[in-house]
Structure formats: structure tokens, C-alpha cells
Amino acid sequence: VLSFVIPLITFTTIKYIEPVNFDANSFAYLAPASGEIVQPAFVFEWYHYLFGLYLLGTAGFLFHLLLGHLKAINIIQKSRIQKIFNNLVNITQKDIHPFSFFSKIVVSEKTLSHPDLEMIVSHEKIHVREKHTLDILFTEILFLLQWFNPFVWLLGKSLKGVHEFLADEGVLKIGFIKTDYQALILNEAMGL
């Protein structure tokens, strides 16, 4: 936040200078302008191209962001809702990894037969309860404004890792066996 606010702060000092009258024969005398004022023609400078590149990158990443959100919304709208382990879960026909989107938990039809379904739903429920989608959305907006900054890329990746850690820790606090949960994570990572 400070990196966005500090450049907007300006300090203005006003210094009054008494005008000096010059003689018409003086070297510093400037005769009043007469005639028509001619505006110089606009010329593209290097920073115009740089700003154009910035806008192009921002537009491209904004399109990618909106497309991803529209896909998630489309999956949710076309899914059916079922109560699983006292949670409303959106079930889709698409073969996707389970995910949460704002207050929605989404799993594929294929995941319903998974032996560790309760752990999967509990993991996603923690993402919903702690509003991780809002954090991700905030970092995505930050990324749109500073996509050229490598630290913003790292921040987004790091935040997703922290969210996964918090959800994993929350699942273990519920009372699931640690080795069973580790096996589930390993199987998910390997696509089994």
C-alpha cells in the first residue's frame, strides 16, 4: 500500500520573488510577443512507447484474469448443489481439481467416490471460511497494476502457498490423521 501512496504525496513550497523592471536597452529585456503562437507538433518519445507496452501488458493480464473468473463462474452455474458433510458443495461434470471460489466449494463428480472426500471438502471449507479468494483477488489486482515487477509475481505465488499451508493446518486441527492427509496431498500432487 505504501508503494502506491508515497508517490502521490507532494510537498509544495512557495517562494515569492519581487519582479525586476528592466530597461528596454537592457540585455535581459524581452519584448512583448506579437503575432500568432505556434504549437509544436506532437512527437512520440521513448516513454510513450513504454507506457503503451505497460497498457498492453495490463490489458492482456486483465483479459486472462477475467477469463479465469468467467470459467469458474460458468462451472459453478452449470453445477448441481449437494449437501456433503454438512456443507453445500457444487458438483460439476467437468474433470477438475476441487477448488473454492468466494463462498462456493466445487468438486467434480469423479471426486465424490474418493475415499478421502471429507478431508477434501474440509480443506476447501477452510479456504471459504478464511476468505482466501478475497486475498487472491487483491493480489491479482496488485499484479495488474505492477505486472512488470518480479516481486509481485513472487508475492502472488507465496500467498497461495501460505493459503494452502493454513488450510492444511486447519484440516489437521479438525482431527484428521496427519499421515492420511499427507498421503492425500501426495496423491493429489501426483495426479493419482
Protein backbone atom coordinates (compact mmCIF):
# COMPACT_ATOMS: atom_id res chain seq x y z
CA VAL A 1 0.00 0.00 0.00
CA LEU A 2 2.83 2.39 0.85
CA SER A 3 4.45 1.86 -2.55
CA PHE A 4 1.25 3.20 -4.14
CA VAL A 5 0.61 6.04 -1.67
CA ILE A 6 4.09 7.54 -1.25
CA PRO A 7 4.44 8.68 -4.91
CA LEU A 8 1.15 10.56 -4.58
CA ILE A 9 2.43 12.72 -1.71
CA THR A 10 3.75 16.07 -2.87
CA PHE A 11 5.38 18.87 -0.96
CA THR A 12 4.96 22.37 -2.31
CA THR A 13 6.94 25.40 -1.27
CA ILE A 14 6.08 28.87 -2.43
CA LYS A 15 8.79 31.44 -2.75
CA TYR A 16 7.82 34.96 -3.68
CA ILE A 17 10.23 36.84 -5.91
CA GLU A 18 9.94 40.53 -6.44
CA PRO A 19 9.72 41.44 -10.13
CA VAL A 20 12.62 43.43 -11.50
CA ASN A 21 11.96 46.17 -14.04
CA PHE A 22 14.31 46.14 -16.99
CA ASP A 23 15.18 48.98 -19.25
CA ALA A 24 14.32 48.48 -22.95
CA ASN A 25 18.04 48.83 -23.74
CA SER A 26 18.98 46.17 -21.17
CA PHE A 27 20.35 42.79 -22.18
CA ALA A 28 17.68 40.97 -20.14
CA TYR A 29 14.80 42.88 -21.74
CA LEU A 30 12.32 40.67 -23.59
CA ALA A 31 9.99 42.45 -25.93
CA PRO A 32 6.30 41.52 -25.76
CA ALA A 33 5.40 38.72 -28.19
CA SER A 34 3.43 39.67 -31.22
CA GLY A 35 1.75 37.53 -33.78
CA GLU A 36 0.35 34.05 -33.69
CA ILE A 37 1.52 31.43 -31.20
CA VAL A 38 2.55 28.22 -32.92
CA GLN A 39 2.11 24.95 -31.04
CA PRO A 40 4.89 22.42 -31.59
CA ALA A 41 3.85 19.16 -33.30
CA PHE A 42 3.41 16.08 -31.10
CA VAL A 43 6.38 13.75 -31.25
CA PHE A 44 6.45 10.20 -29.85
CA GLU A 45 9.10 9.88 -27.21
CA TRP A 46 10.51 6.65 -25.72
CA TYR A 47 8.30 6.89 -22.64
CA HIS A 48 5.16 6.93 -24.81
CA TYR A 49 6.15 3.53 -26.22
CA LEU A 50 6.97 2.28 -22.74
CA PHE A 51 3.58 3.41 -21.43
CA GLY A 52 1.90 1.73 -24.43
CA LEU A 53 3.72 -1.51 -23.60
CA TYR A 54 2.58 -1.20 -19.97
CA LEU A 55 -1.05 -0.72 -21.06
CA LEU A 56 -0.82 -3.65 -23.47
CA GLY A 57 0.54 -5.92 -20.72
CA THR A 58 -2.13 -4.75 -18.28
CA ALA A 59 -4.88 -5.37 -20.83
CA GLY A 60 -3.54 -8.84 -21.60
CA PHE A 61 -3.34 -9.86 -17.94
CA LEU A 62 -6.77 -8.32 -17.24
CA PHE A 63 -8.23 -10.41 -20.08
CA HIS A 64 -6.57 -13.54 -18.65
CA LEU A 65 -7.91 -12.74 -15.14
CA LEU A 66 -11.46 -12.11 -16.35
CA LEU A 67 -11.41 -15.25 -18.49
CA GLY A 68 -10.37 -17.35 -15.48
CA HIS A 69 -13.09 -15.88 -13.29
CA LEU A 70 -15.71 -16.35 -16.02
CA LYS A 71 -14.69 -20.01 -16.38
CA ALA A 72 -15.07 -20.52 -12.62
CA ILE A 73 -18.46 -18.79 -12.61
CA ASN A 74 -19.56 -20.89 -15.59
CA ILE A 75 -18.54 -24.12 -13.82
CA ILE A 76 -20.46 -23.06 -10.70
CA GLN A 77 -23.58 -22.07 -12.64
CA LYS A 78 -23.69 -25.38 -14.52
CA SER A 79 -23.09 -27.47 -11.40
CA ARG A 80 -25.62 -29.05 -9.09
CA ILE A 81 -25.64 -28.37 -5.36
CA GLN A 82 -25.48 -31.22 -2.88
CA LYS A 83 -25.04 -31.28 0.88
CA ILE A 84 -21.88 -33.22 1.74
CA PHE A 85 -20.67 -33.47 5.34
CA ASN A 86 -22.97 -30.58 6.34
CA ASN A 87 -21.54 -28.34 3.59
CA LEU A 88 -23.23 -27.16 0.42
CA VAL A 89 -20.97 -28.31 -2.40
CA ASN A 90 -21.23 -27.54 -6.11
CA ILE A 91 -20.71 -30.73 -8.10
CA THR A 92 -19.65 -30.44 -11.74
CA GLN A 93 -19.38 -32.95 -14.56
CA LYS A 94 -16.02 -31.45 -15.58
CA ASP A 95 -12.85 -33.27 -14.55
CA ILE A 96 -11.31 -30.58 -12.33
CA HIS A 97 -9.36 -30.38 -9.10
CA PRO A 98 -11.50 -29.31 -6.15
CA PHE A 99 -11.47 -25.56 -5.60
CA SER A 100 -13.23 -22.81 -3.69
CA PHE A 101 -14.45 -19.56 -5.21
CA PHE A 102 -15.69 -16.96 -2.72
CA SER A 103 -18.36 -18.90 -0.73
CA LYS A 104 -18.60 -21.86 -3.13
CA ILE A 105 -16.90 -25.23 -2.82
CA VAL A 106 -16.60 -27.01 -6.17
CA VAL A 107 -15.71 -30.66 -6.74
CA SER A 108 -16.03 -32.90 -9.77
CA GLU A 109 -18.43 -35.82 -9.98
CA LYS A 110 -15.38 -38.08 -10.06
CA THR A 111 -14.19 -36.77 -6.68
CA LEU A 112 -17.41 -37.93 -4.95
CA SER A 113 -16.14 -41.51 -4.97
CA HIS A 114 -12.77 -40.50 -3.47
CA PRO A 115 -12.16 -42.25 -0.11
CA ASP A 116 -10.85 -39.00 1.43
CA LEU A 117 -13.75 -36.81 0.29
CA GLU A 118 -14.35 -35.49 3.79
CA MET A 119 -10.77 -34.19 4.04
CA ILE A 120 -11.04 -32.58 0.59
CA VAL A 121 -14.29 -30.80 1.48
CA SER A 122 -12.89 -29.73 4.86
CA HIS A 123 -9.79 -28.28 3.14
CA GLU A 124 -11.92 -26.23 0.75
CA LYS A 125 -14.27 -25.19 3.57
CA ILE A 126 -11.29 -23.61 5.37
CA HIS A 127 -10.43 -21.63 2.22
CA VAL A 128 -14.03 -20.37 2.15
CA ARG A 129 -14.20 -19.60 5.87
CA GLU A 130 -10.96 -17.60 5.84
CA LYS A 131 -11.97 -15.76 2.64
CA HIS A 132 -8.82 -16.70 0.72
CA THR A 133 -10.48 -15.75 -2.57
CA LEU A 134 -10.51 -12.10 -1.47
CA ASP A 135 -6.77 -12.24 -0.70
CA ILE A 136 -6.08 -13.78 -4.10
CA LEU A 137 -8.28 -11.18 -5.81
CA PHE A 138 -6.39 -8.38 -4.03
CA THR A 139 -3.02 -9.75 -5.18
CA GLU A 140 -4.38 -10.19 -8.72
CA ILE A 141 -5.40 -6.51 -8.81
CA LEU A 142 -1.98 -5.58 -7.42
CA PHE A 143 -0.43 -7.77 -10.12
CA LEU A 144 -2.46 -5.97 -12.82
CA LEU A 145 -1.01 -2.64 -11.73
CA GLN A 146 2.57 -3.91 -11.35
CA TRP A 147 2.86 -6.94 -13.66
CA PHE A 148 6.37 -5.84 -14.64
CA ASN A 149 7.58 -6.14 -11.01
CA PRO A 150 9.09 -9.60 -10.30
CA PHE A 151 8.38 -9.23 -6.58
CA VAL A 152 4.64 -9.05 -7.28
CA TRP A 153 4.88 -12.39 -9.12
CA LEU A 154 6.65 -13.86 -6.08
CA LEU A 155 4.11 -12.31 -3.70
CA GLY A 156 1.20 -13.99 -5.50
CA LYS A 157 2.93 -17.36 -5.52
CA SER A 158 3.90 -17.01 -1.86
CA LEU A 159 0.37 -16.03 -0.80
CA LYS A 160 -1.11 -19.12 -2.48
CA GLY A 161 1.43 -21.26 -0.64
CA VAL A 162 0.52 -19.64 2.68
CA HIS A 163 -3.19 -20.26 2.00
CA GLU A 164 -2.53 -23.93 1.31
CA PHE A 165 -0.47 -24.20 4.49
CA LEU A 166 -3.26 -22.58 6.55
CA ALA A 167 -5.88 -24.87 5.05
CA ASP A 168 -3.69 -27.93 5.65
CA GLU A 169 -3.09 -26.86 9.25
CA GLY A 170 -6.83 -26.30 9.73
CA VAL A 171 -7.68 -29.75 8.42
CA LEU A 172 -5.25 -31.34 10.85
CA LYS A 173 -6.73 -29.34 13.75
CA ILE A 174 -10.16 -30.77 12.94
CA GLY A 175 -8.81 -34.17 13.89
CA PHE A 176 -7.80 -35.95 10.71
CA ILE A 177 -4.77 -38.25 10.91
CA LYS A 178 -1.64 -36.49 9.68
CA THR A 179 -0.25 -39.43 7.67
CA ASP A 180 -3.60 -39.94 5.90
CA TYR A 181 -3.71 -36.27 4.98
CA GLN A 182 -0.09 -36.30 3.78
CA ALA A 183 -0.90 -39.32 1.58
CA LEU A 184 -3.90 -37.42 0.14
CA ILE A 185 -1.76 -34.37 -0.68
CA LEU A 186 0.92 -36.55 -2.25
CA ASN A 187 -1.64 -38.42 -4.35
CA GLU A 188 -3.24 -35.14 -5.48
CA ALA A 189 0.17 -33.71 -6.43
CA MET A 190 0.99 -36.82 -8.47
CA GLY A 191 -2.46 -36.89 -10.07
CA LEU A 192 -3.44 -40.26 -8.58
